[in-house]
């Protein structure tokens, strides 16, 4: 994931004993491309976002 932001974002702190926190990406853009690095070409994806925030709590 590449973040296109004016400064390096800091991820939210993990909660509930998990080593990571669930986030919601802002301005998420996916770009497909063909990866020809090797014998078998494959479809690959590049993802970019402008930021992220804490995901909303589940009901």
PDB file of N, CA and C in Angstrom:
ATOM      1  N   UNK A   1       0.848  -1.159   0.000  1.00  0.00           N
ATOM      2  CA  UNK A   1       0.000   0.000   0.000  1.00  0.00           C
ATOM      3  C   UNK A   1       0.896   1.225   0.000  1.00  0.00           C
ATOM      4  N   UNK A   2       0.667   2.115  -0.948  1.00  0.00           N
ATOM      5  CA  UNK A   2       1.366   3.392  -0.988  1.00  0.00           C
ATOM      6  C   UNK A   2       0.412   4.465  -0.497  1.00  0.00           C
ATOM      7  N   UNK A   3       0.907   5.319   0.386  1.00  0.00           N
ATOM      8  CA  UNK A   3       0.097   6.407   0.921  1.00  0.00           C
ATOM      9  C   UNK A   3       0.549   7.711   0.286  1.00  0.00           C
ATOM     10  N   UNK A   4      -0.376   8.398  -0.384  1.00  0.00           N
ATOM     11  CA  UNK A   4      -0.086   9.684  -1.004  1.00  0.00           C
ATOM     12  C   UNK A   4      -0.570  10.761  -0.050  1.00  0.00           C
ATOM     13  N   UNK A   5       0.303  11.244   0.791  1.00  0.00           N
ATOM     14  CA  UNK A   5      -0.074  12.208   1.815  1.00  0.00           C
ATOM     15  C   UNK A   5       1.055  13.228   1.991  1.00  0.00           C
ATOM     16  N   UNK A   6       0.721  14.440   2.452  1.00  0.00           N
ATOM     17  CA  UNK A   6       1.753  15.451   2.652  1.00  0.00           C
ATOM     18  C   UNK A   6       2.741  15.092   3.769  1.00  0.00           C
ATOM     19  N   UNK A   7       2.347  14.215   4.695  1.00  0.00           N
ATOM     20  CA  UNK A   7       3.242  13.763   5.755  1.00  0.00           C
ATOM     21  C   UNK A   7       2.982  12.283   6.008  1.00  0.00           C
ATOM     22  N   UNK A   8       3.916  11.623   6.672  1.00  0.00           N
ATOM     23  CA  UNK A   8       3.759  10.199   6.939  1.00  0.00           C
ATOM     24  C   UNK A   8       2.670   9.985   7.981  1.00  0.00           C
ATOM     25  N   UNK A   9       1.597   9.255   7.625  1.00  0.00           N
ATOM     26  CA  UNK A   9       0.536   9.009   8.597  1.00  0.00           C
ATOM     27  C   UNK A   9       0.971   7.979   9.637  1.00  0.00           C
ATOM     28  N   UNK A  10       0.433   8.098  10.823  1.00  0.00           N
ATOM     29  CA  UNK A  10       0.710   7.117  11.869  1.00  0.00           C
ATOM     30  C   UNK A  10      -0.539   6.281  12.084  1.00  0.00           C
ATOM     31  N   UNK A  11      -0.403   4.967  12.102  1.00  0.00           N
ATOM     32  CA  UNK A  11      -1.576   4.112  12.271  1.00  0.00           C
ATOM     33  C   UNK A  11      -2.157   4.236  13.676  1.00  0.00           C
ATOM     34  N   UNK A  12      -3.459   3.988  13.805  1.00  0.00           N
ATOM     35  CA  UNK A  12      -4.064   4.022  15.143  1.00  0.00           C
ATOM     36  C   UNK A  12      -3.527   2.882  16.004  1.00  0.00           C
ATOM     37  N   UNK A  13      -3.579   3.073  17.296  1.00  0.00           N
ATOM     38  CA  UNK A  13      -3.071   2.058  18.215  1.00  0.00           C
ATOM     39  C   UNK A  13      -4.001   0.845  18.225  1.00  0.00           C
ATOM     40  N   UNK A  14      -3.391  -0.325  18.326  1.00  0.00           N
ATOM     41  CA  UNK A  14      -4.156  -1.570  18.385  1.00  0.00           C
ATOM     42  C   UNK A  14      -4.923  -1.647  19.699  1.00  0.00           C
ATOM     43  N   UNK A  15      -6.098  -2.252  19.640  1.00  0.00           N
ATOM     44  CA  UNK A  15      -6.931  -2.393  20.833  1.00  0.00           C
ATOM     45  C   UNK A  15      -7.363  -3.840  20.989  1.00  0.00           C
ATOM     46  N   UNK A  16      -7.915  -4.148  22.114  1.00  0.00           N
ATOM     47  CA  UNK A  16      -8.481  -5.466  22.421  1.00  0.00           C
ATOM     48  C   UNK A  16      -7.454  -6.594  22.321  1.00  0.00           C
ATOM     49  N   UNK A  17      -6.184  -6.307  22.572  1.00  0.00           N
ATOM     50  CA  UNK A  17      -5.172  -7.350  22.597  1.00  0.00           C
ATOM     51  C   UNK A  17      -4.688  -7.813  21.235  1.00  0.00           C
ATOM     52  N   UNK A  18      -5.090  -7.157  20.161  1.00  0.00           N
ATOM     53  CA  UNK A  18      -4.633  -7.533  18.825  1.00  0.00           C
ATOM     54  C   UNK A  18      -3.341  -6.794  18.487  1.00  0.00           C
ATOM     55  N   UNK A  19      -2.488  -7.381  17.642  1.00  0.00           N
ATOM     56  CA  UNK A  19      -1.228  -6.704  17.288  1.00  0.00           C
ATOM     57  C   UNK A  19      -1.403  -5.590  16.254  1.00  0.00           C
ATOM     58  N   UNK A  20      -2.607  -5.451  15.709  1.00  0.00           N
ATOM     59  CA  UNK A  20      -2.862  -4.422  14.705  1.00  0.00           C
ATOM     60  C   UNK A  20      -4.274  -3.889  14.882  1.00  0.00           C
ATOM     61  N   UNK A  21      -4.574  -2.805  14.213  1.00  0.00           N
ATOM     62  CA  UNK A  21      -5.895  -2.195  14.308  1.00  0.00           C
ATOM     63  C   UNK A  21      -6.563  -2.215  12.940  1.00  0.00           C
ATOM     64  N   UNK A  22      -7.864  -2.396  12.898  1.00  0.00           N
ATOM     65  CA  UNK A  22      -8.614  -2.378  11.645  1.00  0.00           C
ATOM     66  C   UNK A  22      -8.815  -0.924  11.240  1.00  0.00           C
ATOM     67  N   UNK A  23      -8.480  -0.608   9.990  1.00  0.00           N
ATOM     68  CA  UNK A  23      -8.584   0.765   9.501  1.00  0.00           C
ATOM     69  C   UNK A  23      -9.463   0.833   8.258  1.00  0.00           C
ATOM     70  N   UNK A  24      -9.922   2.032   7.954  1.00  0.00           N
ATOM     71  CA  UNK A  24     -10.695   2.312   6.748  1.00  0.00           C
ATOM     72  C   UNK A  24      -9.850   3.267   5.912  1.00  0.00           C
ATOM     73  N   UNK A  25      -9.544   2.868   4.680  1.00  0.00           N
ATOM     74  CA  UNK A  25      -8.711   3.696   3.815  1.00  0.00           C
ATOM     75  C   UNK A  25      -9.539   4.783   3.156  1.00  0.00           C
ATOM     76  N   UNK A  26      -8.968   5.971   3.056  1.00  0.00           N
ATOM     77  CA  UNK A  26      -9.621   7.106   2.408  1.00  0.00           C
ATOM     78  C   UNK A  26      -8.999   7.309   1.036  1.00  0.00           C
ATOM     79  N   UNK A  27      -9.809   7.585   0.040  1.00  0.00           N
ATOM     80  CA  UNK A  27      -9.305   7.821  -1.304  1.00  0.00           C
ATOM     81  C   UNK A  27      -8.621   6.610  -1.901  1.00  0.00           C
ATOM     82  N   UNK A  28      -9.128   5.423  -1.603  1.00  0.00           N
ATOM     83  CA  UNK A  28      -8.503   4.189  -2.072  1.00  0.00           C
ATOM     84  C   UNK A  28      -8.689   4.037  -3.582  1.00  0.00           C
ATOM     85  N   UNK A  29      -7.598   3.710  -4.269  1.00  0.00           N
ATOM     86  CA  UNK A  29      -7.622   3.521  -5.715  1.00  0.00           C
ATOM     87  C   UNK A  29      -6.852   2.258  -6.042  1.00  0.00           C
ATOM     88  N   UNK A  30      -7.466   1.365  -6.808  1.00  0.00           N
ATOM     89  CA  UNK A  30      -6.809   0.136  -7.244  1.00  0.00           C
ATOM     90  C   UNK A  30      -6.528   0.206  -8.738  1.00  0.00           C
ATOM     91  N   UNK A  31      -5.316  -0.167  -9.136  1.00  0.00           N
ATOM     92  CA  UNK A  31      -4.929  -0.136 -10.542  1.00  0.00           C
ATOM     93  C   UNK A  31      -4.433  -1.517 -10.945  1.00  0.00           C
ATOM     94  N   UNK A  32      -5.127  -2.192 -11.879  1.00  0.00           N
ATOM     95  CA  UNK A  32      -4.646  -3.501 -12.330  1.00  0.00           C
ATOM     96  C   UNK A  32      -3.498  -3.340 -13.335  1.00  0.00           C
ATOM     97  N   UNK A  33      -2.591  -4.310 -13.341  1.00  0.00           N
ATOM     98  CA  UNK A  33      -1.519  -4.336 -14.333  1.00  0.00           C
ATOM     99  C   UNK A  33      -1.089  -5.788 -14.550  1.00  0.00           C
ATOM    100  N   UNK A  34      -0.406  -6.044 -15.651  1.00  0.00           N
ATOM    101  CA  UNK A  34       0.078  -7.381 -15.950  1.00  0.00           C
ATOM    102  C   UNK A  34       1.526  -7.478 -15.490  1.00  0.00           C
ATOM    103  N   UNK A  35       1.787  -8.407 -14.578  1.00  0.00           N
ATOM    104  CA  UNK A  35       3.127  -8.643 -14.057  1.00  0.00           C
ATOM    105  C   UNK A  35       3.796  -9.690 -14.942  1.00  0.00           C
ATOM    106  N   UNK A  36       4.826  -9.291 -15.682  1.00  0.00           N
ATOM    107  CA  UNK A  36       5.511 -10.218 -16.580  1.00  0.00           C
ATOM    108  C   UNK A  36       6.886 -10.597 -16.030  1.00  0.00           C
ATOM    109  N   UNK A  37       7.074 -10.489 -14.731  1.00  0.00           N
ATOM    110  CA  UNK A  37       8.331 -10.839 -14.088  1.00  0.00           C
ATOM    111  C   UNK A  37       8.337 -12.347 -13.816  1.00  0.00           C
ATOM    112  N   UNK A  38       8.795 -13.109 -14.769  1.00  0.00           N
ATOM    113  CA  UNK A  38       8.808 -14.566 -14.624  1.00  0.00           C
ATOM    114  C   UNK A  38       8.301 -15.231 -15.891  1.00  0.00           C
ATOM    115  N   UNK A  39       8.079 -16.526 -15.817  1.00  0.00           N
ATOM    116  CA  UNK A  39       7.665 -17.284 -16.993  1.00  0.00           C
ATOM    117  C   UNK A  39       6.173 -17.153 -17.273  1.00  0.00           C
ATOM    118  N   UNK A  40       5.360 -16.978 -16.242  1.00  0.00           N
ATOM    119  CA  UNK A  40       3.914 -16.933 -16.423  1.00  0.00           C
ATOM    120  C   UNK A  40       3.388 -15.546 -16.066  1.00  0.00           C
ATOM    121  N   UNK A  41       2.976 -14.758 -17.070  1.00  0.00           N
ATOM    122  CA  UNK A  41       2.386 -13.444 -16.752  1.00  0.00           C
ATOM    123  C   UNK A  41       1.142 -13.614 -15.880  1.00  0.00           C
ATOM    124  N   UNK A  42       0.905 -12.652 -15.015  1.00  0.00           N
ATOM    125  CA  UNK A  42      -0.272 -12.725 -14.137  1.00  0.00           C
ATOM    126  C   UNK A  42      -0.826 -11.327 -13.938  1.00  0.00           C
ATOM    127  N   UNK A  43      -2.099 -11.282 -13.608  1.00  0.00           N
ATOM    128  CA  UNK A  43      -2.748 -10.020 -13.279  1.00  0.00           C
ATOM    129  C   UNK A  43      -2.398  -9.659 -11.838  1.00  0.00           C
ATOM    130  N   UNK A  44      -1.932  -8.449 -11.632  1.00  0.00           N
ATOM    131  CA  UNK A  44      -1.577  -7.978 -10.292  1.00  0.00           C
ATOM    132  C   UNK A  44      -2.259  -6.630 -10.060  1.00  0.00           C
ATOM    133  N   UNK A  45      -2.247  -6.171  -8.825  1.00  0.00           N
ATOM    134  CA  UNK A  45      -2.905  -4.916  -8.466  1.00  0.00           C
ATOM    135  C   UNK A  45      -1.948  -4.011  -7.709  1.00  0.00           C
ATOM    136  N   UNK A  46      -2.088  -2.731  -7.925  1.00  0.00           N
ATOM    137  CA  UNK A  46      -1.381  -1.715  -7.165  1.00  0.00           C
ATOM    138  C   UNK A  46      -2.444  -0.892  -6.444  1.00  0.00           C
ATOM    139  N   UNK A  47      -2.294  -0.695  -5.143  1.00  0.00           N
ATOM    140  CA  UNK A  47      -3.259   0.061  -4.354  1.00  0.00           C
ATOM    141  C   UNK A  47      -2.622   1.331  -3.810  1.00  0.00           C
ATOM    142  N   UNK A  48      -3.366   2.430  -3.877  1.00  0.00           N
ATOM    143  CA  UNK A  48      -2.927   3.713  -3.317  1.00  0.00           C
ATOM    144  C   UNK A  48      -4.072   4.307  -2.516  1.00  0.00           C
ATOM    145  N   UNK A  49      -3.717   5.046  -1.477  1.00  0.00           N
ATOM    146  CA  UNK A  49      -4.720   5.714  -0.650  1.00  0.00           C
ATOM    147  C   UNK A  49      -4.176   7.066  -0.216  1.00  0.00           C
ATOM    148  N   UNK A  50      -5.080   7.984   0.088  1.00  0.00           N
ATOM    149  CA  UNK A  50      -4.660   9.306   0.562  1.00  0.00           C
ATOM    150  C   UNK A  50      -4.577   9.374   2.076  1.00  0.00           C
ATOM    151  N   UNK A  51      -5.114   8.384   2.762  1.00  0.00           N
ATOM    152  CA  UNK A  51      -5.061   8.354   4.222  1.00  0.00           C
ATOM    153  C   UNK A  51      -5.852   7.190   4.769  1.00  0.00           C
ATOM    154  N   UNK A  52      -5.932   7.116   6.085  1.00  0.00           N
ATOM    155  CA  UNK A  52      -6.744   6.089   6.730  1.00  0.00           C
ATOM    156  C   UNK A  52      -7.201   6.573   8.078  1.00  0.00           C
ATOM    157  N   UNK A  53      -8.223   5.912   8.602  1.00  0.00           N
ATOM    158  CA  UNK A  53      -8.769   6.248   9.914  1.00  0.00           C
ATOM    159  C   UNK A  53      -9.266   4.969  10.572  1.00  0.00           C
ATOM    160  N   UNK A  54      -9.610   5.038  11.834  1.00  0.00           N
ATOM    161  CA  UNK A  54     -10.162   3.883  12.521  1.00  0.00           C
ATOM    162  C   UNK A  54     -11.447   3.426  11.835  1.00  0.00           C
ATOM    163  N   UNK A  55     -11.615   2.128  11.689  1.00  0.00           N
ATOM    164  CA  UNK A  55     -12.845   1.600  11.112  1.00  0.00           C
ATOM    165  C   UNK A  55     -13.978   1.776  12.117  1.00  0.00           C
ATOM    166  N   UNK A  56     -15.205   1.994  11.629  1.00  0.00           N
ATOM    167  CA  UNK A  56     -16.327   2.119  12.562  1.00  0.00           C
ATOM    168  C   UNK A  56     -16.568   0.810  13.311  1.00  0.00           C
ATOM    169  N   UNK A  57     -17.034   0.927  14.526  1.00  0.00           N
ATOM    170  CA  UNK A  57     -17.308  -0.261  15.350  1.00  0.00           C
ATOM    171  C   UNK A  57     -18.482  -1.038  14.773  1.00  0.00           C
ATOM    172  N   UNK A  58     -18.379  -2.386  14.804  1.00  0.00           N
ATOM    173  CA  UNK A  58     -19.470  -3.246  14.315  1.00  0.00           C
ATOM    174  C   UNK A  58     -20.654  -3.157  15.280  1.00  0.00           C
ATOM    175  N   UNK A  59     -21.830  -3.283  14.719  1.00  0.00           N
ATOM    176  CA  UNK A  59     -23.046  -3.218  15.548  1.00  0.00           C
ATOM    177  C   UNK A  59     -23.273  -4.497  16.320  1.00  0.00           C
TER     178      UNK A  59
END
